[in-house]
Structures are given as C-alpha cells and as structure tokens.
Amino acid sequence: MKVCKCTFVGKGIFPLDMLRYDRCWPATTEDVMKIAYCEDPMLNKESYEITVCTYNYTSPSLFTYDRWISFGWKPLFGNEDKPTKKKK
C-alpha cells in the first residue's frame, strides 16, 4: 500500500467533507492550520495550497478531482500521481 498526495488550491471555506469522501487527510500540521484559516471569514480571502494524502489500495483512481473542482478547489499537478477519474 502506497501513500499518495495531491495539492489543491482554492479560497474560501475548505470542503471538509471531501476528506471523508476521498478517504484522505491533511499531509502536515501546516495544512491543518491552513484548513482552520479557511474557516475564518477574516482570513479566507486569500488562496491557499493544501496537500492531502490518501492510500492507494491498488485502485487507479485516488481523488474525485471533478468534485473538488465543484467546491472551488483545483488540483495542482507536479510530482503527484497523474489524475484518473474515480468510479462512483
């Protein structure tokens, strides 16, 4: 089993339910703090990059990218695994 990461960029309220939906968690304590900042209307006006992790259970699909995008959080692709569509 391998841990896979993806960084999402967005502003406003962070979609906390996506952590449950994609079975993922914030990569670092810094990412946890950024999520907390997103909850504060005085601090969530700027964009944040938040990295989340999940386990690859030999599934070709790790994150539901279209769903993240629907909440206003876009994936950044660098050294992370390339996206594939998650089956519903």
N, C-alpha and C. Protein backbone atom coordinates (compact mmCIF):
# COMPACT_ATOMS: atom_id res chain seq x y z
N MET A 1 0.85 -1.16 0.00
CA MET A 1 0.00 0.00 0.00
C MET A 1 0.90 1.23 0.00
N LYS A 2 0.55 2.19 -0.82
CA LYS A 2 1.37 3.38 -1.01
C LYS A 2 0.56 4.62 -0.65
N VAL A 3 1.18 5.59 0.03
CA VAL A 3 0.53 6.86 0.34
C VAL A 3 0.73 7.78 -0.85
N CYS A 4 -0.36 8.36 -1.34
CA CYS A 4 -0.33 9.29 -2.48
C CYS A 4 -0.80 10.66 -2.02
N LYS A 5 -0.23 11.69 -2.62
CA LYS A 5 -0.54 13.07 -2.23
C LYS A 5 -1.06 13.85 -3.43
N CYS A 6 -1.86 14.86 -3.12
CA CYS A 6 -2.27 15.83 -4.13
C CYS A 6 -2.43 17.17 -3.43
N THR A 7 -2.01 18.23 -4.09
CA THR A 7 -2.16 19.58 -3.56
C THR A 7 -3.32 20.25 -4.28
N PHE A 8 -4.20 20.84 -3.48
CA PHE A 8 -5.34 21.57 -4.02
C PHE A 8 -5.19 23.04 -3.67
N VAL A 9 -5.59 23.91 -4.60
CA VAL A 9 -5.53 25.35 -4.36
C VAL A 9 -6.94 25.92 -4.46
N GLY A 10 -7.25 26.80 -3.51
CA GLY A 10 -8.57 27.42 -3.51
C GLY A 10 -8.64 28.47 -2.44
N LYS A 11 -9.79 29.15 -2.39
CA LYS A 11 -10.00 30.13 -1.33
C LYS A 11 -11.43 30.01 -0.85
N GLY A 12 -11.67 30.52 0.33
CA GLY A 12 -12.97 30.36 0.94
C GLY A 12 -12.98 29.11 1.81
N ILE A 13 -14.16 28.69 2.17
CA ILE A 13 -14.31 27.53 3.06
C ILE A 13 -13.74 26.28 2.41
N PHE A 14 -12.90 25.57 3.13
CA PHE A 14 -12.34 24.31 2.65
C PHE A 14 -13.42 23.23 2.75
N PRO A 15 -13.57 22.41 1.70
CA PRO A 15 -14.60 21.37 1.72
C PRO A 15 -14.20 20.18 2.61
N LEU A 16 -14.42 20.32 3.91
CA LEU A 16 -14.02 19.29 4.86
C LEU A 16 -14.60 17.91 4.54
N ASP A 17 -15.82 17.88 4.01
CA ASP A 17 -16.43 16.58 3.72
C ASP A 17 -15.66 15.82 2.65
N MET A 18 -14.85 16.52 1.86
CA MET A 18 -14.05 15.83 0.83
C MET A 18 -13.00 14.93 1.47
N LEU A 19 -12.57 15.26 2.68
CA LEU A 19 -11.62 14.40 3.37
C LEU A 19 -12.25 13.03 3.62
N ARG A 20 -13.51 13.04 4.04
CA ARG A 20 -14.23 11.78 4.25
C ARG A 20 -14.53 11.11 2.92
N TYR A 21 -15.01 11.90 1.96
CA TYR A 21 -15.46 11.36 0.68
C TYR A 21 -14.32 10.63 -0.06
N ASP A 22 -13.13 11.24 -0.05
CA ASP A 22 -11.97 10.65 -0.73
C ASP A 22 -11.06 9.86 0.23
N ARG A 23 -11.49 9.70 1.47
CA ARG A 23 -10.70 8.98 2.48
C ARG A 23 -9.27 9.50 2.54
N CYS A 24 -9.16 10.81 2.77
CA CYS A 24 -7.82 11.42 2.81
C CYS A 24 -7.69 12.28 4.07
N TRP A 25 -6.49 12.80 4.27
CA TRP A 25 -6.20 13.59 5.45
C TRP A 25 -5.15 14.64 5.08
N PRO A 26 -5.08 15.76 5.86
CA PRO A 26 -4.06 16.78 5.60
C PRO A 26 -2.66 16.18 5.75
N ALA A 27 -1.76 16.57 4.86
CA ALA A 27 -0.42 15.99 4.83
C ALA A 27 0.44 16.43 6.02
N THR A 28 0.29 17.67 6.46
CA THR A 28 1.15 18.20 7.52
C THR A 28 0.31 19.02 8.50
N THR A 29 0.93 19.37 9.63
CA THR A 29 0.23 20.26 10.57
C THR A 29 0.03 21.64 9.95
N GLU A 30 0.93 22.04 9.05
CA GLU A 30 0.75 23.31 8.34
C GLU A 30 -0.52 23.28 7.49
N ASP A 31 -0.78 22.15 6.84
CA ASP A 31 -2.01 22.01 6.05
C ASP A 31 -3.25 22.06 6.96
N VAL A 32 -3.15 21.49 8.15
CA VAL A 32 -4.26 21.56 9.11
C VAL A 32 -4.53 23.02 9.48
N MET A 33 -3.48 23.79 9.72
CA MET A 33 -3.64 25.21 10.07
C MET A 33 -4.26 25.99 8.92
N LYS A 34 -3.87 25.68 7.69
CA LYS A 34 -4.45 26.37 6.54
C LYS A 34 -5.95 26.08 6.44
N ILE A 35 -6.33 24.83 6.72
CA ILE A 35 -7.76 24.48 6.71
C ILE A 35 -8.49 25.30 7.77
N ALA A 36 -7.89 25.44 8.95
CA ALA A 36 -8.50 26.23 10.02
C ALA A 36 -8.65 27.69 9.59
N TYR A 37 -7.64 28.25 8.90
CA TYR A 37 -7.72 29.62 8.42
C TYR A 37 -8.87 29.79 7.44
N CYS A 38 -9.12 28.77 6.64
CA CYS A 38 -10.19 28.84 5.65
C CYS A 38 -11.56 28.95 6.31
N GLU A 39 -11.68 28.51 7.55
CA GLU A 39 -12.95 28.57 8.27
C GLU A 39 -13.25 29.97 8.80
N ASP A 40 -12.22 30.81 8.89
CA ASP A 40 -12.37 32.15 9.44
C ASP A 40 -12.65 33.15 8.32
N PRO A 41 -13.82 33.80 8.31
CA PRO A 41 -14.15 34.73 7.22
C PRO A 41 -13.16 35.88 7.09
N MET A 42 -12.45 36.22 8.16
CA MET A 42 -11.47 37.31 8.09
C MET A 42 -10.18 36.85 7.42
N LEU A 43 -9.92 35.54 7.39
CA LEU A 43 -8.66 35.03 6.86
C LEU A 43 -8.81 34.27 5.55
N ASN A 44 -10.04 33.93 5.15
CA ASN A 44 -10.20 33.05 4.00
C ASN A 44 -10.34 33.79 2.67
N LYS A 45 -9.88 35.02 2.61
CA LYS A 45 -9.98 35.79 1.37
C LYS A 45 -8.82 35.52 0.40
N GLU A 46 -7.74 34.95 0.90
CA GLU A 46 -6.61 34.63 0.03
C GLU A 46 -6.63 33.15 -0.34
N SER A 47 -5.91 32.82 -1.40
CA SER A 47 -5.84 31.42 -1.84
C SER A 47 -4.86 30.65 -0.96
N TYR A 48 -5.17 29.39 -0.76
CA TYR A 48 -4.30 28.50 -0.01
C TYR A 48 -4.01 27.26 -0.83
N GLU A 49 -2.82 26.75 -0.67
CA GLU A 49 -2.45 25.45 -1.24
C GLU A 49 -2.43 24.45 -0.08
N ILE A 50 -3.26 23.43 -0.18
CA ILE A 50 -3.37 22.43 0.88
C ILE A 50 -3.11 21.06 0.28
N THR A 51 -2.18 20.34 0.88
CA THR A 51 -1.85 18.99 0.42
C THR A 51 -2.56 17.97 1.28
N VAL A 52 -3.16 17.00 0.61
CA VAL A 52 -3.83 15.90 1.31
C VAL A 52 -3.24 14.58 0.85
N CYS A 53 -3.36 13.58 1.70
CA CYS A 53 -2.83 12.24 1.42
C CYS A 53 -3.96 11.22 1.44
N THR A 54 -3.74 10.15 0.71
CA THR A 54 -4.65 9.01 0.75
C THR A 54 -3.82 7.76 0.49
N TYR A 55 -4.40 6.62 0.80
CA TYR A 55 -3.74 5.36 0.48
C TYR A 55 -4.17 4.90 -0.90
N ASN A 56 -3.24 4.34 -1.65
CA ASN A 56 -3.57 3.74 -2.93
C ASN A 56 -3.80 2.25 -2.66
N TYR A 57 -5.06 1.88 -2.66
CA TYR A 57 -5.44 0.48 -2.44
C TYR A 57 -5.45 -0.26 -3.77
N THR A 58 -4.44 -0.06 -4.57
CA THR A 58 -4.31 -0.62 -5.92
C THR A 58 -5.42 -0.17 -6.86
N SER A 59 -6.09 0.90 -6.47
CA SER A 59 -7.13 1.47 -7.33
C SER A 59 -6.50 2.49 -8.26
N PRO A 60 -6.93 2.55 -9.52
CA PRO A 60 -6.37 3.54 -10.44
C PRO A 60 -6.84 4.96 -10.14
N SER A 61 -7.88 5.10 -9.33
CA SER A 61 -8.40 6.43 -9.05
C SER A 61 -8.22 6.76 -7.57
N LEU A 62 -7.63 7.91 -7.30
CA LEU A 62 -7.31 8.27 -5.93
C LEU A 62 -8.20 9.38 -5.38
N PHE A 63 -8.44 10.40 -6.18
CA PHE A 63 -9.21 11.55 -5.75
C PHE A 63 -10.32 11.83 -6.76
N THR A 64 -11.42 12.37 -6.28
CA THR A 64 -12.52 12.76 -7.17
C THR A 64 -12.30 14.22 -7.57
N TYR A 65 -11.43 14.43 -8.55
CA TYR A 65 -11.00 15.77 -8.94
C TYR A 65 -12.16 16.67 -9.36
N ASP A 66 -13.11 16.15 -10.12
CA ASP A 66 -14.25 16.97 -10.55
C ASP A 66 -15.06 17.46 -9.35
N ARG A 67 -15.18 16.63 -8.35
CA ARG A 67 -15.92 17.03 -7.14
C ARG A 67 -15.16 18.12 -6.38
N TRP A 68 -13.84 17.98 -6.25
CA TRP A 68 -13.05 19.03 -5.61
C TRP A 68 -13.23 20.35 -6.36
N ILE A 69 -13.16 20.28 -7.68
CA ILE A 69 -13.30 21.49 -8.50
C ILE A 69 -14.67 22.12 -8.30
N SER A 70 -15.70 21.30 -8.12
CA SER A 70 -17.05 21.85 -7.92
C SER A 70 -17.14 22.67 -6.64
N PHE A 71 -16.26 22.43 -5.68
CA PHE A 71 -16.20 23.20 -4.44
C PHE A 71 -15.25 24.39 -4.56
N GLY A 72 -14.65 24.58 -5.73
CA GLY A 72 -13.75 25.71 -5.93
C GLY A 72 -12.30 25.43 -5.58
N TRP A 73 -11.94 24.16 -5.43
CA TRP A 73 -10.57 23.76 -5.09
C TRP A 73 -10.00 22.95 -6.24
N LYS A 74 -8.98 23.52 -6.89
CA LYS A 74 -8.41 22.88 -8.08
C LYS A 74 -7.13 22.13 -7.73
N PRO A 75 -6.94 20.96 -8.32
CA PRO A 75 -5.71 20.19 -8.07
C PRO A 75 -4.53 20.81 -8.81
N LEU A 76 -3.38 20.80 -8.15
CA LEU A 76 -2.12 21.18 -8.78
C LEU A 76 -1.37 19.90 -9.07
N PHE A 77 -0.91 19.74 -10.27
CA PHE A 77 -0.21 18.51 -10.63
C PHE A 77 1.26 18.83 -10.86
N GLY A 78 2.10 18.22 -10.05
CA GLY A 78 3.53 18.36 -10.19
C GLY A 78 4.13 16.98 -10.11
N ASN A 79 4.66 16.67 -8.94
CA ASN A 79 5.25 15.36 -8.73
C ASN A 79 4.22 14.34 -8.26
N GLU A 80 2.98 14.79 -8.07
CA GLU A 80 1.94 13.87 -7.62
C GLU A 80 1.57 12.91 -8.74
N ASP A 81 0.86 11.87 -8.37
CA ASP A 81 0.36 10.94 -9.38
C ASP A 81 -0.60 11.67 -10.30
N LYS A 82 -0.56 11.34 -11.57
CA LYS A 82 -1.46 11.96 -12.54
C LYS A 82 -2.90 11.54 -12.25
N PRO A 83 -3.84 12.44 -12.51
CA PRO A 83 -5.23 12.14 -12.17
C PRO A 83 -5.87 11.09 -13.07
N THR A 84 -6.75 10.33 -12.47
CA THR A 84 -7.63 9.44 -13.21
C THR A 84 -9.00 9.62 -12.60
N LYS A 85 -10.02 9.34 -13.35
CA LYS A 85 -11.38 9.51 -12.84
C LYS A 85 -11.71 8.42 -11.85
N LYS A 86 -12.30 8.82 -10.75
CA LYS A 86 -12.71 7.86 -9.73
C LYS A 86 -14.09 7.34 -10.08
N LYS A 87 -14.25 6.04 -10.04
CA LYS A 87 -15.55 5.45 -10.32
C LYS A 87 -16.48 5.68 -9.16
N LYS A 88 -17.74 5.95 -9.47
CA LYS A 88 -18.73 6.19 -8.42
C LYS A 88 -19.39 4.92 -8.00
